[in-house]
Amino acid sequence: MRTYIVTFRSVTYAQRGEALLSGAGIRCTLGRTPRWMEKQGCGYALWLKVNEAGGALALLRDAGIPPRRVWAQRADGKLEEVSV
């Protein structure tokens, strides 16, 4: 199962995203975005472990909670930014 890190521009968006996804039965963890991922100061992110993040990202977009960036864990364990 791949890990995805979905970053947001504010803690409010991240908290709303966590509530939305949790309510839909998608497990996620809210936390500070690692500094190396954010060039515009500190931010907040959700960590997801799902087979396909597309459903989670569609829920966020439909609810008006836009992610800033999305990172996916590769087979070798490294993270790479993916298009949303």
N, C-alpha and C. Protein backbone atom coordinates (compact mmCIF):
# COMPACT_ATOMS: atom_id res chain seq x y z
N MET A 1 0.85 -1.18 0.00
CA MET A 1 0.00 0.00 0.00
C MET A 1 0.89 1.24 0.00
N ARG A 2 0.60 2.18 -0.87
CA ARG A 2 1.40 3.39 -0.98
C ARG A 2 0.97 4.41 0.05
N THR A 3 1.92 5.25 0.44
CA THR A 3 1.64 6.36 1.32
C THR A 3 1.62 7.63 0.49
N TYR A 4 0.64 8.47 0.75
CA TYR A 4 0.53 9.77 0.08
C TYR A 4 0.58 10.85 1.14
N ILE A 5 1.23 11.95 0.81
CA ILE A 5 1.24 13.13 1.67
C ILE A 5 0.58 14.25 0.88
N VAL A 6 -0.53 14.75 1.40
CA VAL A 6 -1.30 15.80 0.74
C VAL A 6 -1.11 17.08 1.55
N THR A 7 -0.51 18.10 0.95
CA THR A 7 -0.25 19.35 1.66
C THR A 7 -1.34 20.37 1.37
N PHE A 8 -1.54 21.27 2.33
CA PHE A 8 -2.56 22.31 2.24
C PHE A 8 -1.94 23.65 2.58
N ARG A 9 -2.62 24.73 2.20
CA ARG A 9 -2.08 26.07 2.45
C ARG A 9 -2.34 26.55 3.87
N SER A 10 -3.25 25.88 4.59
CA SER A 10 -3.55 26.32 5.95
C SER A 10 -3.95 25.12 6.81
N VAL A 11 -3.83 25.31 8.11
CA VAL A 11 -4.25 24.26 9.04
C VAL A 11 -5.76 24.05 8.94
N THR A 12 -6.51 25.11 8.64
CA THR A 12 -7.97 24.98 8.51
C THR A 12 -8.34 24.02 7.39
N TYR A 13 -7.72 24.18 6.21
CA TYR A 13 -7.99 23.27 5.10
C TYR A 13 -7.59 21.85 5.48
N ALA A 14 -6.46 21.68 6.12
CA ALA A 14 -6.01 20.35 6.51
C ALA A 14 -6.98 19.72 7.51
N GLN A 15 -7.46 20.49 8.48
CA GLN A 15 -8.42 19.97 9.46
C GLN A 15 -9.74 19.61 8.79
N ARG A 16 -10.21 20.45 7.89
CA ARG A 16 -11.45 20.14 7.17
C ARG A 16 -11.27 18.88 6.33
N GLY A 17 -10.11 18.76 5.69
CA GLY A 17 -9.83 17.57 4.89
C GLY A 17 -9.79 16.31 5.74
N GLU A 18 -9.18 16.40 6.91
CA GLU A 18 -9.12 15.25 7.81
C GLU A 18 -10.53 14.83 8.23
N ALA A 19 -11.37 15.79 8.59
CA ALA A 19 -12.75 15.48 9.00
C ALA A 19 -13.53 14.85 7.85
N LEU A 20 -13.38 15.40 6.65
CA LEU A 20 -14.09 14.89 5.48
C LEU A 20 -13.68 13.44 5.17
N LEU A 21 -12.37 13.21 5.09
CA LEU A 21 -11.89 11.88 4.73
C LEU A 21 -12.20 10.86 5.81
N SER A 22 -12.03 11.25 7.06
CA SER A 22 -12.35 10.34 8.17
C SER A 22 -13.83 9.97 8.15
N GLY A 23 -14.67 10.95 7.87
CA GLY A 23 -16.10 10.71 7.78
C GLY A 23 -16.47 9.78 6.64
N ALA A 24 -15.64 9.75 5.61
CA ALA A 24 -15.87 8.88 4.46
C ALA A 24 -15.20 7.51 4.64
N GLY A 25 -14.61 7.30 5.81
CA GLY A 25 -13.97 6.02 6.09
C GLY A 25 -12.56 5.89 5.58
N ILE A 26 -11.93 7.00 5.21
CA ILE A 26 -10.55 6.99 4.72
C ILE A 26 -9.65 7.43 5.86
N ARG A 27 -8.79 6.53 6.32
CA ARG A 27 -7.91 6.85 7.44
C ARG A 27 -6.82 7.81 7.00
N CYS A 28 -6.57 8.82 7.82
CA CYS A 28 -5.53 9.79 7.52
C CYS A 28 -5.01 10.36 8.83
N THR A 29 -3.82 10.94 8.76
CA THR A 29 -3.18 11.55 9.92
C THR A 29 -2.81 12.98 9.57
N LEU A 30 -3.17 13.91 10.44
CA LEU A 30 -2.86 15.32 10.26
C LEU A 30 -1.55 15.67 10.94
N GLY A 31 -0.71 16.45 10.26
CA GLY A 31 0.55 16.87 10.86
C GLY A 31 1.17 18.01 10.10
N ARG A 32 2.28 18.51 10.63
CA ARG A 32 3.02 19.59 9.95
C ARG A 32 3.70 19.03 8.71
N THR A 33 3.69 19.82 7.68
CA THR A 33 4.38 19.43 6.45
C THR A 33 5.88 19.47 6.69
N PRO A 34 6.62 18.43 6.26
CA PRO A 34 8.08 18.50 6.39
C PRO A 34 8.61 19.75 5.68
N ARG A 35 9.54 20.43 6.30
CA ARG A 35 10.04 21.71 5.78
C ARG A 35 10.58 21.61 4.36
N TRP A 36 11.21 20.50 4.01
CA TRP A 36 11.80 20.39 2.68
C TRP A 36 10.73 20.33 1.58
N MET A 37 9.48 20.04 1.95
CA MET A 37 8.40 19.96 0.96
C MET A 37 7.79 21.32 0.66
N GLU A 38 7.85 22.22 1.60
CA GLU A 38 7.19 23.51 1.45
C GLU A 38 8.18 24.63 1.24
N LYS A 39 8.00 25.37 0.18
CA LYS A 39 8.87 26.51 -0.11
C LYS A 39 8.26 27.81 0.40
N GLN A 40 6.98 27.77 0.77
CA GLN A 40 6.29 28.98 1.20
C GLN A 40 5.99 28.92 2.70
N GLY A 41 6.97 28.67 3.48
CA GLY A 41 6.78 28.63 4.93
C GLY A 41 6.21 27.31 5.39
N CYS A 42 5.68 27.32 6.60
CA CYS A 42 5.17 26.09 7.17
C CYS A 42 3.74 25.84 6.69
N GLY A 43 3.40 24.60 6.62
CA GLY A 43 2.06 24.21 6.19
C GLY A 43 1.65 22.96 6.93
N TYR A 44 0.53 22.43 6.54
CA TYR A 44 -0.01 21.23 7.17
C TYR A 44 -0.36 20.22 6.10
N ALA A 45 -0.33 18.96 6.49
CA ALA A 45 -0.53 17.89 5.53
C ALA A 45 -1.32 16.75 6.14
N LEU A 46 -1.87 15.95 5.25
CA LEU A 46 -2.51 14.70 5.64
C LEU A 46 -1.68 13.56 5.07
N TRP A 47 -1.45 12.56 5.89
CA TRP A 47 -0.78 11.34 5.46
C TRP A 47 -1.87 10.29 5.24
N LEU A 48 -1.89 9.72 4.03
CA LEU A 48 -2.89 8.72 3.67
C LEU A 48 -2.21 7.42 3.29
N LYS A 49 -2.78 6.31 3.67
CA LYS A 49 -2.31 5.01 3.19
C LYS A 49 -3.48 4.37 2.49
N VAL A 50 -3.52 4.55 1.20
CA VAL A 50 -4.62 4.03 0.40
C VAL A 50 -4.07 3.43 -0.89
N ASN A 51 -4.81 2.48 -1.44
CA ASN A 51 -4.39 1.90 -2.71
C ASN A 51 -4.48 2.91 -3.85
N GLU A 52 -5.51 3.71 -3.80
CA GLU A 52 -5.69 4.71 -4.84
C GLU A 52 -6.11 6.02 -4.19
N ALA A 53 -5.28 7.01 -4.29
CA ALA A 53 -5.57 8.30 -3.65
C ALA A 53 -6.55 9.12 -4.47
N GLY A 54 -6.84 8.70 -5.69
CA GLY A 54 -7.74 9.46 -6.55
C GLY A 54 -9.09 9.73 -5.91
N GLY A 55 -9.66 8.75 -5.24
CA GLY A 55 -10.95 8.93 -4.59
C GLY A 55 -10.88 9.96 -3.48
N ALA A 56 -9.81 9.90 -2.68
CA ALA A 56 -9.64 10.86 -1.58
C ALA A 56 -9.45 12.26 -2.13
N LEU A 57 -8.66 12.40 -3.17
CA LEU A 57 -8.42 13.72 -3.76
C LEU A 57 -9.68 14.27 -4.41
N ALA A 58 -10.49 13.40 -5.03
CA ALA A 58 -11.74 13.84 -5.63
C ALA A 58 -12.71 14.34 -4.54
N LEU A 59 -12.76 13.64 -3.41
CA LEU A 59 -13.61 14.10 -2.30
C LEU A 59 -13.18 15.48 -1.83
N LEU A 60 -11.88 15.68 -1.68
CA LEU A 60 -11.37 16.98 -1.23
C LEU A 60 -11.73 18.08 -2.21
N ARG A 61 -11.50 17.83 -3.49
CA ARG A 61 -11.80 18.84 -4.51
C ARG A 61 -13.29 19.16 -4.56
N ASP A 62 -14.13 18.11 -4.51
CA ASP A 62 -15.58 18.32 -4.57
C ASP A 62 -16.09 19.12 -3.38
N ALA A 63 -15.41 19.01 -2.25
CA ALA A 63 -15.81 19.73 -1.04
C ALA A 63 -15.19 21.12 -0.97
N GLY A 64 -14.43 21.51 -1.97
CA GLY A 64 -13.80 22.83 -1.97
C GLY A 64 -12.61 22.94 -1.05
N ILE A 65 -11.91 21.81 -0.85
CA ILE A 65 -10.72 21.78 0.00
C ILE A 65 -9.53 21.42 -0.90
N PRO A 66 -8.97 22.41 -1.58
CA PRO A 66 -7.93 22.12 -2.57
C PRO A 66 -6.59 21.78 -1.93
N PRO A 67 -6.00 20.68 -2.33
CA PRO A 67 -4.64 20.39 -1.87
C PRO A 67 -3.65 21.31 -2.58
N ARG A 68 -2.55 21.62 -1.89
CA ARG A 68 -1.50 22.43 -2.51
C ARG A 68 -0.62 21.53 -3.36
N ARG A 69 -0.14 20.46 -2.77
CA ARG A 69 0.72 19.51 -3.48
C ARG A 69 0.44 18.11 -2.96
N VAL A 70 0.77 17.11 -3.78
CA VAL A 70 0.60 15.71 -3.37
C VAL A 70 1.89 14.96 -3.66
N TRP A 71 2.32 14.21 -2.67
CA TRP A 71 3.53 13.41 -2.77
C TRP A 71 3.15 11.95 -2.62
N ALA A 72 3.74 11.07 -3.42
CA ALA A 72 3.48 9.64 -3.35
C ALA A 72 4.78 8.90 -3.07
N GLN A 73 4.67 7.85 -2.28
CA GLN A 73 5.84 7.03 -1.97
C GLN A 73 6.06 6.04 -3.11
N ARG A 74 7.27 6.00 -3.63
CA ARG A 74 7.62 5.07 -4.69
C ARG A 74 7.93 3.70 -4.10
N ALA A 75 8.11 2.73 -4.95
CA ALA A 75 8.42 1.36 -4.51
C ALA A 75 9.72 1.31 -3.71
N ASP A 76 10.66 2.22 -4.02
CA ASP A 76 11.94 2.22 -3.28
C ASP A 76 11.87 3.00 -1.97
N GLY A 77 10.66 3.51 -1.63
CA GLY A 77 10.46 4.22 -0.37
C GLY A 77 10.62 5.73 -0.45
N LYS A 78 11.18 6.23 -1.55
CA LYS A 78 11.36 7.67 -1.71
C LYS A 78 10.05 8.32 -2.13
N LEU A 79 9.94 9.61 -1.86
CA LEU A 79 8.74 10.36 -2.21
C LEU A 79 8.95 11.14 -3.50
N GLU A 80 7.89 11.22 -4.30
CA GLU A 80 7.93 12.03 -5.51
C GLU A 80 6.62 12.80 -5.61
N GLU A 81 6.70 14.02 -6.11
CA GLU A 81 5.50 14.83 -6.27
C GLU A 81 4.72 14.30 -7.47
N VAL A 82 3.39 14.23 -7.29
CA VAL A 82 2.53 13.77 -8.37
C VAL A 82 1.54 14.87 -8.72
N SER A 83 1.03 14.83 -9.94
CA SER A 83 0.06 15.83 -10.39
C SER A 83 -1.29 15.55 -9.77
N VAL A 84 -2.00 16.63 -9.47
CA VAL A 84 -3.36 16.47 -8.91
C VAL A 84 -4.40 17.02 -9.84
